[in-house]
N, C-alpha and C. Protein backbone atom coordinates (compact mmCIF):
# COMPACT_ATOMS: atom_id res chain seq x y z
N MET A 1 -0.83 4.31 24.22
CA MET A 1 -1.38 3.13 24.26
C MET A 1 -0.47 2.02 24.46
N SER A 2 -0.99 0.89 25.10
CA SER A 2 -0.16 -0.38 25.47
C SER A 2 0.26 -0.94 24.18
N SER A 3 1.30 -1.90 24.40
CA SER A 3 1.71 -2.89 23.40
C SER A 3 0.49 -3.77 22.74
N THR A 4 -0.19 -4.11 23.71
CA THR A 4 -1.27 -5.07 23.36
C THR A 4 -2.23 -4.27 22.53
N THR A 5 -2.68 -3.09 22.98
CA THR A 5 -3.54 -2.37 22.11
C THR A 5 -3.07 -1.96 20.81
N ASP A 6 -1.85 -1.73 20.80
CA ASP A 6 -1.20 -1.35 19.35
C ASP A 6 -1.28 -2.53 18.49
N LYS A 7 -0.97 -3.60 19.08
CA LYS A 7 -0.93 -4.98 18.13
C LYS A 7 -2.48 -5.24 17.82
N ILE A 8 -3.57 -5.14 18.69
CA ILE A 8 -4.94 -5.52 18.29
C ILE A 8 -5.40 -4.60 17.32
N LYS A 9 -5.05 -3.21 17.47
CA LYS A 9 -5.30 -2.24 16.33
C LYS A 9 -4.77 -2.52 15.14
N GLY A 10 -3.42 -2.84 15.07
CA GLY A 10 -2.83 -3.35 14.15
C GLY A 10 -3.41 -4.47 13.30
N THR A 11 -3.61 -5.43 14.05
CA THR A 11 -4.48 -6.53 13.53
C THR A 11 -5.72 -6.25 12.80
N ALA A 12 -6.37 -5.47 13.49
CA ALA A 12 -7.69 -5.00 12.80
C ALA A 12 -7.47 -4.19 11.65
N ASN A 13 -6.53 -3.29 11.53
CA ASN A 13 -6.28 -2.60 10.43
C ASN A 13 -5.89 -3.19 8.98
N GLU A 14 -5.03 -4.41 9.53
CA GLU A 14 -4.43 -5.39 8.34
C GLU A 14 -5.79 -5.95 7.95
N ALA A 15 -6.53 -6.59 8.80
CA ALA A 15 -7.74 -7.49 8.21
C ALA A 15 -8.69 -6.54 7.38
N VAL A 16 -9.12 -5.25 7.74
CA VAL A 16 -9.96 -4.50 7.25
C VAL A 16 -9.23 -4.00 5.80
N GLY A 17 -7.85 -3.88 5.83
CA GLY A 17 -7.15 -3.43 4.69
C GLY A 17 -7.37 -4.55 3.60
N ASN A 18 -7.15 -5.83 4.08
CA ASN A 18 -7.04 -6.93 3.22
C ASN A 18 -8.58 -7.21 2.58
N VAL A 19 -9.47 -6.88 3.49
CA VAL A 19 -10.90 -6.91 2.93
C VAL A 19 -11.11 -5.98 1.70
N LYS A 20 -10.61 -4.73 2.04
CA LYS A 20 -10.90 -3.54 0.99
C LYS A 20 -10.06 -3.85 -0.19
N GLN A 21 -8.80 -4.38 -0.22
CA GLN A 21 -7.94 -4.78 -1.37
C GLN A 21 -8.99 -5.96 -2.07
N ALA A 22 -9.29 -6.88 -1.48
CA ALA A 22 -10.11 -7.81 -2.23
C ALA A 22 -11.29 -7.40 -2.81
N ALA A 23 -11.99 -6.36 -2.22
CA ALA A 23 -13.27 -5.81 -2.59
C ALA A 23 -12.90 -5.03 -3.74
N GLY A 24 -11.97 -4.31 -3.73
CA GLY A 24 -11.49 -3.51 -4.87
C GLY A 24 -11.02 -4.25 -6.03
N LYS A 25 -10.41 -5.30 -5.78
CA LYS A 25 -9.82 -6.20 -6.82
C LYS A 25 -11.14 -6.86 -7.73
N ALA A 26 -12.11 -7.22 -6.74
CA ALA A 26 -13.33 -7.78 -7.36
C ALA A 26 -14.08 -7.04 -8.07
N THR A 27 -14.30 -5.61 -7.80
CA THR A 27 -15.06 -4.85 -8.59
C THR A 27 -14.27 -3.76 -9.50
N GLY A 28 -12.95 -4.04 -9.60
CA GLY A 28 -12.21 -3.26 -10.46
C GLY A 28 -11.85 -1.71 -9.91
N ASN A 29 -12.10 -1.68 -8.75
CA ASN A 29 -11.84 -0.26 -7.96
C ASN A 29 -10.46 -0.20 -7.46
N ASP A 30 -9.79 0.51 -8.36
CA ASP A 30 -8.31 0.82 -8.00
C ASP A 30 -7.98 1.78 -6.69
N LYS A 31 -8.97 2.53 -6.63
CA LYS A 31 -8.82 3.47 -5.37
C LYS A 31 -9.13 2.51 -4.08
N LEU A 32 -10.05 1.67 -4.18
CA LEU A 32 -10.39 0.92 -3.01
C LEU A 32 -9.16 -0.10 -2.69
N VAL A 33 -8.43 -0.62 -3.84
CA VAL A 33 -7.29 -1.49 -3.57
C VAL A 33 -6.38 -0.51 -2.97
N ALA A 34 -6.02 0.46 -3.36
CA ALA A 34 -5.03 1.22 -2.77
C ALA A 34 -5.17 1.86 -1.28
N GLU A 35 -6.38 2.23 -0.95
CA GLU A 35 -6.82 2.33 0.33
C GLU A 35 -6.73 1.19 1.40
N GLY A 36 -7.14 -0.05 0.76
CA GLY A 36 -6.83 -1.10 1.55
C GLY A 36 -5.44 -1.37 1.76
N LYS A 37 -4.41 -1.30 0.86
CA LYS A 37 -3.19 -1.41 1.04
C LYS A 37 -2.45 -0.55 1.96
N ALA A 38 -2.96 0.79 1.92
CA ALA A 38 -2.37 1.76 2.96
C ALA A 38 -2.93 1.27 4.26
N GLN A 39 -3.96 1.00 4.38
CA GLN A 39 -4.50 0.49 5.72
C GLN A 39 -3.92 -0.87 6.40
N GLU A 40 -3.55 -1.66 5.30
CA GLU A 40 -2.80 -2.86 5.66
C GLU A 40 -1.52 -2.53 6.23
N LEU A 41 -0.87 -1.65 5.59
CA LEU A 41 0.54 -1.12 5.84
C LEU A 41 0.53 -0.29 7.38
N LYS A 42 -0.60 0.46 7.63
CA LYS A 42 -0.76 1.12 8.79
C LYS A 42 -0.89 -0.03 9.87
N GLY A 43 -1.61 -1.17 9.68
CA GLY A 43 -1.74 -1.96 10.55
C GLY A 43 -0.39 -2.65 11.03
N GLU A 44 0.45 -3.07 9.82
CA GLU A 44 1.59 -3.56 10.14
C GLU A 44 2.56 -2.52 11.01
N ALA A 45 2.60 -1.32 10.70
CA ALA A 45 3.25 -0.40 11.40
C ALA A 45 2.86 -0.39 13.08
N GLN A 46 1.52 -0.45 13.36
CA GLN A 46 0.83 -0.53 14.41
C GLN A 46 1.56 -1.76 15.22
N LYS A 47 1.45 -2.85 14.64
CA LYS A 47 1.93 -4.04 15.23
C LYS A 47 3.44 -3.77 15.54
N THR A 48 4.15 -3.42 14.86
CA THR A 48 5.73 -3.25 14.89
C THR A 48 5.86 -2.25 16.03
N VAL A 49 5.13 -1.17 16.27
CA VAL A 49 5.24 -0.42 17.46
C VAL A 49 4.99 -1.13 18.60
N GLY A 50 4.02 -1.86 18.74
CA GLY A 50 3.68 -2.91 19.75
C GLY A 50 4.77 -3.84 20.25
N ASP A 51 5.51 -4.42 19.08
CA ASP A 51 6.56 -5.26 19.43
C ASP A 51 7.64 -4.53 20.16
N VAL A 52 7.86 -3.21 19.49
CA VAL A 52 8.97 -2.43 20.02
C VAL A 52 8.72 -2.11 21.47
N LYS A 53 7.43 -1.75 21.64
CA LYS A 53 7.16 -1.43 23.28
C LYS A 53 7.28 -2.66 24.21
N ASP A 54 7.10 -3.98 23.60
CA ASP A 54 7.25 -5.18 24.39
C ASP A 54 8.69 -5.33 24.56
N GLY A 55 9.52 -5.11 23.65
CA GLY A 55 11.07 -5.27 23.70
C GLY A 55 11.54 -4.25 24.61
N ALA A 56 11.13 -3.07 24.58
CA ALA A 56 11.56 -1.96 25.76
C ALA A 56 11.17 -2.33 26.91
N LYS A 57 10.00 -2.66 27.13
CA LYS A 57 9.76 -3.29 28.46
C LYS A 57 10.53 -4.28 29.05
N ASN A 58 10.50 -5.60 28.20
CA ASN A 58 11.40 -6.66 28.43
C ASN A 58 12.76 -6.25 28.96
N LEU A 59 13.43 -5.28 28.09
CA LEU A 59 14.88 -4.85 28.40
C LEU A 59 14.86 -4.09 29.71
N ALA A 60 13.98 -3.16 29.91
CA ALA A 60 13.71 -2.49 31.26
C ALA A 60 13.60 -3.44 32.41
N ASP A 61 12.78 -4.45 32.37
CA ASP A 61 12.78 -5.39 33.39
C ASP A 61 13.94 -6.08 33.71
N LYS A 62 14.62 -6.61 32.41
CA LYS A 62 15.95 -7.21 32.83
C LYS A 62 16.88 -6.18 33.57
N VAL A 63 16.98 -5.06 33.02
CA VAL A 63 17.88 -4.06 33.65
C VAL A 63 17.65 -4.00 35.28
N THR A 64 16.36 -3.69 35.41
CA THR A 64 15.90 -3.50 36.91
C THR A 64 15.66 -4.75 37.59
N GLY A 65 15.98 -5.94 37.01
CA GLY A 65 15.88 -7.26 37.85
C GLY A 65 14.36 -7.66 37.96
N LYS A 66 13.36 -7.18 37.29
CA LYS A 66 12.12 -7.68 37.16
C LYS A 66 11.97 -8.57 36.08
N HIS A 67 11.61 -9.81 36.45
CA HIS A 67 11.52 -10.90 35.33
C HIS A 67 10.09 -11.19 35.11
């Protein structure tokens, strides 16, 4: 996956996770809250992977002289 794809999927997972958490809290569904938190964390990890890929590409571009 490209860094952009990772970031987009990460943002989407964070958003869905937050919605699940809110719905779970509103209905008293602890399982849904936990699922939402897990999905939010997955999204954060995906975004981090995208950031790392960007950093590696930028470093490679500097090393090879591509700006």
